[in-house]
Protein backbone atom coordinates (compact mmCIF):
# COMPACT_ATOMS: atom_id res chain seq x y z
CA MET A 1 0.00 0.00 0.00
CA LYS A 2 2.91 2.35 0.73
CA LYS A 3 4.13 1.87 -2.85
CA ILE A 4 0.76 3.02 -4.20
CA TYR A 5 0.86 6.19 -2.06
CA LEU A 6 4.45 6.84 -3.12
CA LEU A 7 3.55 6.38 -6.79
CA THR A 8 0.51 8.65 -6.38
CA LYS A 9 2.68 11.33 -4.74
CA ILE A 10 5.17 11.16 -7.59
CA ILE A 11 2.38 11.45 -10.18
CA PHE A 12 0.87 14.34 -8.20
CA HIS A 13 4.13 16.29 -8.12
CA ILE A 14 4.90 15.62 -11.80
CA SER A 15 1.35 16.67 -12.73
CA ASN A 16 1.71 19.78 -10.59
CA ILE A 17 4.93 20.78 -12.37
CA GLY A 18 3.36 19.98 -15.74
CA LEU A 19 0.32 22.14 -14.99
CA ILE A 20 2.51 25.03 -13.90
CA ILE A 21 4.52 24.78 -17.13
CA LEU A 22 1.33 24.71 -19.23
CA TYR A 23 -0.01 27.75 -17.38
CA LEU A 24 3.11 29.87 -17.52
CA TYR A 25 4.13 29.19 -21.12
CA PRO A 26 3.25 32.12 -23.42
CA GLY A 27 1.01 30.21 -25.80
CA SER A 28 -0.75 26.87 -25.85
CA ILE A 29 1.62 23.90 -25.70
CA LEU A 30 -1.36 21.55 -25.96
CA GLY A 31 -2.70 23.50 -28.92
CA TRP A 32 0.67 23.12 -30.64
CA LEU A 33 0.82 19.37 -29.89
CA ILE A 34 -2.76 18.69 -31.02
CA TYR A 35 -3.39 21.28 -33.75
CA GLY A 36 0.11 22.50 -34.62
CA ASP A 37 -0.93 26.02 -33.56
CA PHE A 38 0.24 27.83 -30.40
CA GLN A 39 -2.77 30.17 -30.60
CA LYS A 40 -5.45 27.46 -30.52
CA GLN A 41 -6.64 26.10 -27.17
CA PRO A 42 -8.00 22.54 -27.06
CA GLN A 43 -11.47 22.24 -25.54
CA ILE A 44 -12.59 18.98 -23.89
CA THR A 45 -16.22 19.97 -23.43
CA SER A 46 -18.10 23.21 -23.94
CA ASP A 47 -17.93 25.80 -21.17
CA PHE A 48 -20.84 26.70 -18.93
CA VAL A 49 -20.10 29.69 -16.65
CA VAL A 50 -16.72 28.13 -15.78
CA SER A 51 -13.97 26.83 -18.04
CA SER A 52 -14.51 23.08 -18.17
CA SER A 53 -10.91 22.33 -19.18
CA HIS A 54 -9.60 24.25 -16.18
CA ALA A 55 -12.09 22.53 -13.86
CA TYR A 56 -11.03 19.08 -15.16
CA ALA A 57 -7.33 19.90 -14.78
CA PHE A 58 -7.72 21.07 -11.18
CA MET A 59 -10.09 18.21 -10.32
CA PHE A 60 -7.45 15.77 -11.54
CA LEU A 61 -4.65 17.52 -9.65
CA SER A 62 -6.76 17.86 -6.49
CA LEU A 63 -7.83 14.23 -6.57
CA LEU A 64 -4.23 13.06 -6.92
CA GLY A 65 -3.21 15.33 -4.07
CA MET A 66 -6.04 14.20 -1.79
CA ILE A 67 -5.22 10.53 -2.44
CA SER A 68 -1.49 11.16 -1.95
CA TYR A 69 -1.95 12.92 1.39
CA ILE A 70 -5.06 11.09 2.60
CA ASN A 71 -3.84 10.70 6.15
CA ASN A 72 -2.25 14.08 6.75
CA ARG A 73 -1.79 17.65 5.56
CA ILE A 74 -5.17 17.88 3.80
CA MET A 75 -5.80 21.49 4.85
CA ILE A 76 -2.30 22.55 3.79
CA LEU A 77 -2.80 20.77 0.47
CA PHE A 78 -6.20 22.42 0.00
CA LEU A 79 -4.73 25.83 0.78
CA TYR A 80 -1.87 25.21 -1.65
CA LEU A 81 -4.23 24.12 -4.46
CA PHE A 82 -6.54 27.07 -3.78
CA LEU A 83 -3.69 29.60 -3.86
CA ILE A 84 -1.90 28.09 -6.86
CA SER A 85 -5.16 28.10 -8.84
CA ILE A 86 -5.50 31.83 -8.19
CA PHE A 87 -1.80 32.65 -8.70
CA LEU A 88 -1.56 30.79 -12.02
CA GLU A 89 -4.57 32.55 -13.49
CA LEU A 90 -3.45 35.96 -12.22
CA SER A 91 -0.04 35.35 -13.82
CA HIS A 92 -1.79 35.64 -17.20
CA PHE A 93 -1.93 39.40 -16.67
CA ILE A 94 1.83 39.58 -17.24
CA ILE A 95 2.53 36.63 -19.58
CA PRO A 96 2.55 37.55 -23.28
CA GLU A 97 -0.04 35.79 -25.47
CA ARG A 98 -2.06 34.81 -22.37
CA ASN A 99 -5.21 36.46 -21.04
CA PHE A 100 -6.75 36.48 -17.59
CA GLU A 101 -10.32 35.18 -17.70
CA TYR A 102 -12.75 34.93 -14.82
CA SER A 103 -14.25 31.74 -16.27
CA ASP A 104 -10.81 30.11 -16.11
CA LEU A 105 -10.30 31.25 -12.52
CA PHE A 106 -13.74 29.96 -11.51
CA GLY A 107 -12.99 26.69 -13.33
CA ASN A 108 -9.77 26.31 -11.32
CA LEU A 109 -11.52 27.01 -8.04
CA THR A 110 -14.49 24.79 -8.91
CA GLY A 111 -12.15 21.85 -9.56
CA VAL A 112 -10.38 22.31 -6.23
CA PHE A 113 -13.53 22.89 -4.16
CA LEU A 114 -15.49 20.04 -5.74
CA ILE A 115 -12.82 17.45 -4.96
CA PHE A 116 -12.28 18.91 -1.48
CA ILE A 117 -16.00 18.67 -0.69
CA LEU A 118 -16.32 15.15 -2.09
CA PHE A 119 -13.19 14.04 -0.24
CA ASN A 120 -14.44 15.42 3.07
CA LEU A 121 -17.85 13.84 2.48
CA TYR A 122 -16.13 10.49 1.86
CA ARG A 123 -14.08 10.84 5.06
CA PHE A 124 -17.18 11.86 7.06
CA LEU A 125 -19.19 8.87 5.81
CA LYS A 126 -16.24 6.52 6.36
CA ASP A 127 -15.71 7.72 9.95
CA ASN A 128 -19.43 7.47 10.84
CA LYS A 129 -20.04 3.89 9.76
């Protein structure tokens, strides 16, 4: 079981670094890989109030983090994910070819909060059996 947690932690940290690189690069690396165009952003599903791609990315990262640190540091991890989601989107004010968008910020925060709520609900139900 310790090997699974260690592997999950490694995947979490690699994913975290990858997400930071994707956010801070002036252009769309994924757009270049998929479409051959740095200006084109790939879209998984259509947006509704929040950016779905951003919500999925932060849900994935948050889920990996919550699984990795299931027994400790959950509030520190939540605070980190919350702050990094805000910082990365605000960084688009100063990065060339990138634009700050509220829908992206709300997508980031939605992904973090949704996993945090579901994780705490799971822990509550597990503890009250």
